[in-house]
């Protein structure tokens, strides 16, 4: 298993990161334990979670994923071997009113409370990477391409205040590094510039979607990741599993995410389906697993730090982890670029 540096922190993480958002909803505690045991045995040292998880978010299951991880860490007594990442949820009163009464902001009080609660659930006294789950301001993320200027909320937290609050937690030893998620090029550079100007913590990573159906990260953020050593943590590298081909021709396998939660349509539009068919055909023509080819392609990107995989079965998990060892030949890479030219970013 290849390992890469997390920004300028000196922390080394596996190129495959174990995603956890199904634990406590699609996956049981016992299944999650089995996934963590297997992943560690295969050289994975990086786990990513969030206070919001599991997905889909519900008040009844809020924080359960972190609790499961904490139970596993206590049982296996291997905290020092794991690079553990979690996230504080951003504003969202319309759909997560149970998190800090729906008024969560990236201010000192809310960061301290959210982190304290996560540490309690995770049964640890520190996290290696603490991330802002999405921007506090109104901007283009979660599948929205264009930016529409709006009057900012009057109580928008200044970036420097957020960085100072995170710095306090780092000085207290409760955070080793900080990261962003679902962020824009402007947001990443603003955080980096302020950190340099004010001697505040530097962002080590950006966790954004990146896959063969959504390569928008390449437009502005890839250069930032490379030049600023602020690498991508790619989530949805299989586009909700769509790129495996298992949903083609209207198929809905029992227990699969889109079978259980058909409202998740980000990667299921007409153009995305057409592109998926082409990628699946390309993989099969070259003797590749359609689910492994997209992951191997993501892992080869020079601006990537780690690809966050999610699996609901051990068979999926084994295949996903093994994809990191696959080298794609020039014919496959050329085929991928040809499909991308024909179907550019059909599911941003």
Protein backbone atom coordinates (compact mmCIF):
# COMPACT_ATOMS: atom_id res chain seq x y z
CA UNK A 1 0.00 0.00 0.00
CA UNK A 2 1.43 3.33 -1.10
CA UNK A 3 1.58 6.10 1.52
CA UNK A 4 1.69 9.83 0.89
CA UNK A 5 2.34 12.88 3.03
CA UNK A 6 -0.65 14.78 4.36
CA UNK A 7 0.21 18.31 3.28
CA UNK A 8 3.24 19.68 5.10
CA UNK A 9 2.34 17.94 8.38
CA UNK A 10 4.78 15.05 8.13
CA UNK A 11 1.86 12.65 8.70
CA UNK A 12 1.87 9.73 6.27
CA UNK A 13 -1.47 8.33 5.09
CA UNK A 14 -2.35 5.38 2.88
CA UNK A 15 -3.41 6.24 -0.66
CA UNK A 16 -6.64 4.39 0.14
CA UNK A 17 -8.64 5.93 2.97
CA UNK A 18 -11.44 3.95 4.60
CA UNK A 19 -14.70 5.85 4.37
CA UNK A 20 -17.24 5.17 7.10
CA UNK A 21 -20.52 6.92 6.34
CA UNK A 22 -22.54 3.69 5.96
CA UNK A 23 -21.69 2.41 9.43
CA UNK A 24 -24.69 2.57 11.71
CA UNK A 25 -27.15 2.72 8.80
CA UNK A 26 -26.40 0.37 5.87
CA UNK A 27 -23.73 -1.47 7.87
CA UNK A 28 -23.96 -2.88 11.38
CA UNK A 29 -21.37 -2.46 14.10
CA UNK A 30 -20.09 -5.98 13.47
CA UNK A 31 -19.72 -5.35 9.74
CA UNK A 32 -17.89 -2.09 10.42
CA UNK A 33 -15.49 -3.90 12.77
CA UNK A 34 -14.77 -6.47 10.06
CA UNK A 35 -14.10 -3.70 7.53
CA UNK A 36 -11.67 -1.91 9.83
CA UNK A 37 -9.84 -5.14 10.70
CA UNK A 38 -9.44 -6.06 7.03
CA UNK A 39 -8.41 -2.60 5.91
CA UNK A 40 -5.67 -2.34 8.54
CA UNK A 41 -4.39 -5.80 7.60
CA UNK A 42 -4.10 -4.55 3.99
CA UNK A 43 -1.99 -1.53 4.97
CA UNK A 44 -4.72 1.10 5.25
CA UNK A 45 -3.93 3.47 8.12
CA UNK A 46 -6.33 6.33 7.29
CA UNK A 47 -10.01 6.46 8.39
CA UNK A 48 -12.38 9.32 7.53
CA UNK A 49 -15.62 10.07 9.36
CA UNK A 50 -17.80 13.00 10.44
CA UNK A 51 -20.07 14.01 13.28
CA UNK A 52 -22.93 14.00 10.73
CA UNK A 53 -22.57 10.29 9.88
CA UNK A 54 -24.11 7.89 9.10
CA UNK A 55 -25.68 8.92 5.81
CA UNK A 56 -28.48 9.65 5.19
CA UNK A 57 -28.40 11.87 8.27
CA UNK A 58 -31.11 11.33 10.86
CA UNK A 59 -31.49 12.61 14.40
CA UNK A 60 -31.84 9.03 15.65
CA UNK A 61 -28.46 7.94 14.27
CA UNK A 62 -26.47 11.17 14.66
CA UNK A 63 -22.90 10.41 15.79
CA UNK A 64 -23.34 6.63 15.61
CA UNK A 65 -20.52 6.16 13.09
CA UNK A 66 -18.02 7.88 15.37
CA UNK A 67 -19.26 5.75 18.26
CA UNK A 68 -18.62 2.54 16.30
CA UNK A 69 -15.09 3.67 15.43
CA UNK A 70 -14.48 4.56 19.07
CA UNK A 71 -15.66 1.11 20.19
CA UNK A 72 -13.33 -0.52 17.66
CA UNK A 73 -10.35 1.61 18.72
CA UNK A 74 -10.97 0.71 22.36
CA UNK A 75 -11.31 -2.96 21.51
CA UNK A 76 -8.25 -3.22 19.25
CA UNK A 77 -6.07 -0.81 21.27
CA UNK A 78 -4.43 0.50 18.10
CA UNK A 79 -5.12 4.25 18.21
CA UNK A 80 -1.49 5.17 17.49
CA UNK A 81 -1.53 3.17 14.24
CA UNK A 82 -4.55 5.00 12.79
CA UNK A 83 -4.63 8.43 11.17
CA UNK A 84 -8.12 9.49 12.17
CA UNK A 85 -10.04 12.25 10.38
CA UNK A 86 -13.42 13.67 11.27
CA UNK A 87 -15.47 16.77 10.43
CA UNK A 88 -17.58 19.45 12.04
CA UNK A 89 -20.90 19.99 10.24
CA UNK A 90 -21.59 23.42 8.81
CA UNK A 91 -24.80 25.47 8.78
CA UNK A 92 -27.91 23.62 7.71
CA UNK A 93 -31.02 24.43 9.74
CA UNK A 94 -33.32 23.09 7.01
CA UNK A 95 -31.99 19.54 7.09
CA UNK A 96 -29.96 18.98 10.27
CA UNK A 97 -31.82 20.91 13.00
CA UNK A 98 -30.64 18.41 15.62
CA UNK A 99 -26.99 19.52 15.34
CA UNK A 100 -26.48 22.48 17.68
CA UNK A 101 -30.11 23.46 17.06
CA UNK A 102 -29.42 23.97 13.36
CA UNK A 103 -27.32 27.09 13.96
CA UNK A 104 -23.85 25.59 13.81
CA UNK A 105 -21.10 28.00 12.77
CA UNK A 106 -17.34 27.75 12.55
CA UNK A 107 -16.87 29.85 15.66
CA UNK A 108 -14.79 29.02 18.72
CA UNK A 109 -17.74 27.86 20.84
CA UNK A 110 -19.20 25.52 18.22
CA UNK A 111 -15.82 24.12 17.15
CA UNK A 112 -14.94 23.35 20.78
CA UNK A 113 -18.29 21.71 21.43
CA UNK A 114 -18.33 19.68 18.20
CA UNK A 115 -14.75 18.49 18.69
CA UNK A 116 -15.37 17.58 22.33
CA UNK A 117 -18.40 15.52 21.36
CA UNK A 118 -16.51 13.79 18.53
CA UNK A 119 -13.59 12.95 20.82
CA UNK A 120 -15.98 11.47 23.37
CA UNK A 121 -17.67 9.31 20.75
CA UNK A 122 -14.34 8.29 19.19
CA UNK A 123 -12.90 7.47 22.63
CA UNK A 124 -9.69 9.36 21.95
CA UNK A 125 -8.12 12.57 23.17
CA UNK A 126 -7.09 13.83 19.73
CA UNK A 127 -7.93 13.58 16.02
CA UNK A 128 -5.22 13.67 13.38
CA UNK A 129 -7.22 15.70 10.85
CA UNK A 130 -10.17 17.95 11.68
CA UNK A 131 -12.14 19.22 8.70
CA UNK A 132 -14.82 21.83 8.00
CA UNK A 133 -17.46 19.69 6.30
CA UNK A 134 -18.72 22.40 3.93
CA UNK A 135 -18.36 26.19 3.64
CA UNK A 136 -20.29 28.33 6.05
CA UNK A 137 -20.89 30.88 3.32
CA UNK A 138 -23.25 30.42 0.37
CA UNK A 139 -21.26 29.21 -2.60
CA UNK A 140 -21.17 26.48 -5.22
CA UNK A 141 -20.70 23.01 -3.75
CA UNK A 142 -22.65 19.72 -3.46
CA UNK A 143 -23.05 19.49 -7.24
CA UNK A 144 -23.66 23.14 -8.03
CA UNK A 145 -21.33 24.38 -10.77
CA UNK A 146 -22.07 28.06 -11.27
CA UNK A 147 -21.55 30.73 -8.64
CA UNK A 148 -24.30 33.30 -8.11
CA UNK A 149 -23.20 36.33 -6.04
CA UNK A 150 -25.40 36.82 -2.99
CA UNK A 151 -25.55 39.16 -0.04
CA UNK A 152 -23.60 37.35 2.65
CA UNK A 153 -25.21 36.47 5.95
CA UNK A 154 -24.52 39.20 8.51
CA UNK A 155 -23.11 36.69 11.03
CA UNK A 156 -20.71 34.96 8.64
CA UNK A 157 -17.65 33.89 10.63
CA UNK A 158 -14.39 35.52 9.44
CA UNK A 159 -11.92 32.90 8.23
CA UNK A 160 -9.27 34.20 10.61
CA UNK A 161 -11.58 33.62 13.60
CA UNK A 162 -12.14 30.03 12.49
CA UNK A 163 -8.40 29.47 12.06
CA UNK A 164 -7.69 30.95 15.48
CA UNK A 165 -10.28 28.66 17.09
CA UNK A 166 -8.69 25.67 15.39
CA UNK A 167 -5.25 26.89 16.48
CA UNK A 168 -6.42 26.85 20.09
CA UNK A 169 -7.47 23.23 19.75
CA UNK A 170 -4.13 22.38 18.15
CA UNK A 171 -2.25 24.06 20.96
CA UNK A 172 -4.32 22.01 23.39
CA UNK A 173 -3.23 18.85 21.57
CA UNK A 174 -6.74 17.90 20.47
CA UNK A 175 -6.07 18.34 16.72
CA UNK A 176 -2.89 17.54 14.76
CA UNK A 177 -3.89 19.03 11.38
CA UNK A 178 -6.81 20.80 9.73
CA UNK A 179 -8.58 20.35 6.41
CA UNK A 180 -11.40 21.68 4.26
CA UNK A 181 -14.20 19.85 2.48
CA UNK A 182 -16.53 20.76 -0.39
CA UNK A 183 -14.50 23.93 -0.78
CA UNK A 184 -13.85 26.20 -3.76
CA UNK A 185 -10.51 27.49 -5.11
CA UNK A 186 -11.17 30.93 -3.61
CA UNK A 187 -11.93 29.44 -0.21
CA UNK A 188 -8.83 27.25 -0.15
CA UNK A 189 -6.51 30.08 -1.16
CA UNK A 190 -8.11 32.48 1.32
CA UNK A 191 -7.50 30.04 4.17
CA UNK A 192 -3.92 29.44 3.00
CA UNK A 193 -3.15 33.14 2.63
CA UNK A 194 -4.51 34.03 6.07
CA UNK A 195 -2.60 31.19 7.68
CA UNK A 196 0.64 32.55 6.20
CA UNK A 197 -0.11 36.19 7.02
CA UNK A 198 -1.23 35.57 10.61
CA UNK A 199 0.92 32.55 11.51
CA UNK A 200 -2.14 30.36 11.94
CA UNK A 201 -2.60 26.64 11.13
CA UNK A 202 -2.18 25.73 7.49
CA UNK A 203 -4.80 23.66 5.67
CA UNK A 204 -3.34 20.22 4.90
CA UNK A 205 -6.01 18.78 2.61
CA UNK A 206 -9.20 19.38 0.63
CA UNK A 207 -11.87 16.68 0.69
CA UNK A 208 -13.94 17.15 -2.46
CA UNK A 209 -15.71 14.84 -4.92
CA UNK A 210 -13.51 13.52 -7.73
CA UNK A 211 -14.21 10.70 -10.15
CA UNK A 212 -14.52 9.94 -13.87
CA UNK A 213 -17.99 11.54 -13.94
CA UNK A 214 -16.87 14.67 -12.08
CA UNK A 215 -13.39 16.01 -12.82
CA UNK A 216 -14.22 19.62 -11.98
CA UNK A 217 -11.50 19.55 -9.28
CA UNK A 218 -8.98 19.70 -12.12
CA UNK A 219 -10.19 23.12 -13.27
CA UNK A 220 -8.88 25.26 -10.41
CA UNK A 221 -8.19 23.18 -7.34
CA UNK A 222 -5.74 20.63 -8.74
CA UNK A 223 -3.05 23.28 -9.28
CA UNK A 224 -3.59 24.61 -5.77
CA UNK A 225 -3.26 21.11 -4.33
CA UNK A 226 -0.02 20.52 -6.20
CA UNK A 227 1.69 23.88 -5.76
CA UNK A 228 0.56 24.48 -2.18
CA UNK A 229 1.02 20.88 -1.00
CA UNK A 230 -2.59 20.77 0.06
CA UNK A 231 -3.66 17.50 -1.50
CA UNK A 232 -7.03 16.16 -2.49
CA UNK A 233 -8.88 13.62 -0.39
CA UNK A 234 -11.18 12.33 -3.12
CA UNK A 235 -14.63 11.33 -1.97
CA UNK A 236 -17.13 9.45 -4.14
CA UNK A 237 -14.33 8.07 -6.38
CA UNK A 238 -16.91 5.63 -7.75
CA UNK A 239 -19.74 8.17 -7.93
CA UNK A 240 -22.03 6.49 -5.34
CA UNK A 241 -20.99 3.15 -6.87
CA UNK A 242 -22.46 4.13 -10.24
CA UNK A 243 -19.13 3.70 -12.06
CA UNK A 244 -19.06 0.01 -11.12
CA UNK A 245 -21.85 -0.45 -13.65
CA UNK A 246 -24.12 -2.18 -11.17
CA UNK A 247 -26.98 0.27 -11.78
CA UNK A 248 -26.89 0.14 -15.58
CA UNK A 249 -30.05 -0.73 -17.52
CA UNK A 250 -32.20 0.14 -14.54
CA UNK A 251 -30.71 -2.48 -12.22
CA UNK A 252 -31.21 -1.91 -8.51
CA UNK A 253 -29.27 -4.56 -6.55
CA UNK A 254 -30.73 -5.43 -3.13
CA UNK A 255 -29.14 -3.39 -0.35
CA UNK A 256 -27.29 -1.01 -2.70
CA UNK A 257 -27.31 2.70 -1.91
CA UNK A 258 -29.45 3.85 -4.82
CA UNK A 259 -31.85 0.98 -4.20
CA UNK A 260 -32.34 2.03 -0.59
CA UNK A 261 -32.08 5.78 -1.16
CA UNK A 262 -33.29 6.59 -4.68
CA UNK A 263 -33.21 10.32 -3.90
CA UNK A 264 -29.40 10.26 -4.34
CA UNK A 265 -29.41 11.07 -8.06
CA UNK A 266 -26.21 13.11 -8.44
CA UNK A 267 -24.54 10.53 -10.70
CA UNK A 268 -27.63 9.08 -12.37
CA UNK A 269 -28.53 11.63 -15.05
CA UNK A 270 -28.83 10.68 -18.71
CA UNK A 271 -25.34 11.92 -19.64
CA UNK A 272 -23.79 10.28 -16.57
CA UNK A 273 -25.35 6.95 -17.52
CA UNK A 274 -24.04 7.25 -21.08
CA UNK A 275 -20.54 8.01 -19.80
CA UNK A 276 -20.72 5.15 -17.31
CA UNK A 277 -21.64 2.71 -20.06
CA UNK A 278 -18.58 3.83 -22.01
CA UNK A 279 -16.24 3.51 -19.03
CA UNK A 280 -17.58 0.08 -18.11
CA UNK A 281 -17.14 -1.09 -21.70
CA UNK A 282 -13.58 0.26 -21.76
CA UNK A 283 -12.70 -1.59 -18.57
CA UNK A 284 -14.12 -4.88 -19.80
CA UNK A 285 -12.36 -4.62 -23.17
CA UNK A 286 -9.05 -4.38 -21.30
CA UNK A 287 -9.83 -7.15 -18.81
CA UNK A 288 -10.30 -4.78 -15.88
CA UNK A 289 -12.90 -4.76 -13.14
CA UNK A 290 -15.22 -1.81 -13.96
CA UNK A 291 -15.16 -0.82 -10.28
CA UNK A 292 -11.36 -0.99 -9.99
CA UNK A 293 -10.42 0.97 -13.10
CA UNK A 294 -11.95 4.28 -11.89
CA UNK A 295 -10.30 3.89 -8.49
CA UNK A 296 -6.91 3.09 -10.00
CA UNK A 297 -7.26 6.17 -12.20
CA UNK A 298 -8.03 8.41 -9.21
CA UNK A 299 -5.11 7.00 -7.21
CA UNK A 300 -2.60 7.83 -9.96
CA UNK A 301 -3.32 11.58 -9.90
CA UNK A 302 -0.28 13.58 -8.69
CA UNK A 303 -2.41 16.09 -6.77
CA UNK A 304 -4.16 13.33 -4.79
CA UNK A 305 -3.26 12.48 -1.23
CA UNK A 306 -5.83 9.72 -0.68
CA UNK A 307 -8.97 8.25 -2.24
CA UNK A 308 -11.81 7.66 0.21
CA UNK A 309 -13.52 4.37 -0.52
CA UNK A 310 -16.85 3.19 0.86
CA UNK A 311 -18.11 -0.38 0.81
CA UNK A 312 -21.09 -2.20 2.22
CA UNK A 313 -19.74 -5.72 1.62
CA UNK A 314 -16.37 -7.30 2.27
CA UNK A 315 -16.13 -8.29 -1.39
CA UNK A 316 -16.46 -4.64 -2.42
CA UNK A 317 -13.95 -3.58 0.21
CA UNK A 318 -11.34 -6.10 -0.92
CA UNK A 319 -11.70 -5.06 -4.57
CA UNK A 320 -11.57 -1.36 -3.73
CA UNK A 321 -8.41 -1.68 -1.66
CA UNK A 322 -6.75 -3.88 -4.28
CA UNK A 323 -7.36 -1.21 -6.93
CA UNK A 324 -4.47 0.80 -5.47
CA UNK A 325 -2.06 -1.83 -6.81
CA UNK A 326 -3.35 -1.64 -10.40
CA UNK A 327 -1.33 0.21 -13.03
CA UNK A 328 -3.36 1.41 -16.00
CA UNK A 329 -1.63 1.13 -19.37
CA UNK A 330 -1.50 3.87 -21.99
CA UNK A 331 -4.31 2.37 -24.04
CA UNK A 332 -6.66 2.51 -21.04
CA UNK A 333 -5.60 6.04 -20.15
CA UNK A 334 -6.11 7.20 -23.71
CA UNK A 335 -9.52 5.54 -23.73
CA UNK A 336 -10.49 7.34 -20.53
CA UNK A 337 -9.49 10.70 -22.01
CA UNK A 338 -11.44 10.00 -25.20
CA UNK A 339 -14.58 9.25 -23.19
CA UNK A 340 -14.03 12.36 -21.09
CA UNK A 341 -13.84 14.48 -24.23
CA UNK A 342 -17.12 13.01 -25.40
CA UNK A 343 -18.82 13.23 -21.98
CA UNK A 344 -17.07 16.01 -20.00
CA UNK A 345 -18.12 16.15 -16.34
CA UNK A 346 -21.66 14.81 -16.78
CA UNK A 347 -22.26 14.73 -13.02
CA UNK A 348 -20.52 17.66 -11.29
